[in-house]
């Protein structure tokens, strides 16, 4: 009888010790992570650019063409669509590269047309994702990389998307900034080493509630 009681006491003591360890042990510190703030409503912060390229590697198709928007060498219908439905031309910070999106039109898929002024080379990048998403906004980071808002091409309830970081020469890209659920980045601009993004927020029926500004460090 005494042996049975002793065994029960030992088992209870061990169980209590395990519970105490579980309640007091800081798993976040052990694994080198900060605990999440359950009350935060901020969108997901932008990840480190180098980590993004490693963890969510994307390879966009690059099409090299000799003078692709030269009116003498292009099909007239292609030239008309390319020029009439093109965005403004974006010059890179060092003025070495020019780029524009085309066609920028409702429910059409746009490509990015890039020109290296110094080398006199031109090519296009096809940024359509999953056959449903298209680039909507463009901004150079430097003379080699750019940020693009890529989102759904179809319907009127999706004005923006997520932000991707893309190497203009290789077509290698990665998801760089993803806002909170029921939110989309609709515009972005670069100011003093920071990316200022306009984020539209929606309810569960995807009716827009409001629009806020989010800021992230330039990659």
Foldseek 3Di string as FASTA:
>chain_A
DVVVVVVVVVVVVVVVVVVVCVVPPDVCVVVVHDDDDPPDPWWDAWDDFVVQCVPFKDAWDKFWDQPAQDVVPDDPVVNCQFPVQKDDWAAFPVRQKIWIWGRQDQLDAIWIWMAGNVVRTIIITRPDPPVFKHWDDWDHLHPFKIKTWIDGRHDDLDQTHFIKIAGPPRRIIGGGGDTDPQKGFNDWDDDPQKIKTKMWHADPVSDTDDIDIDIHGRD
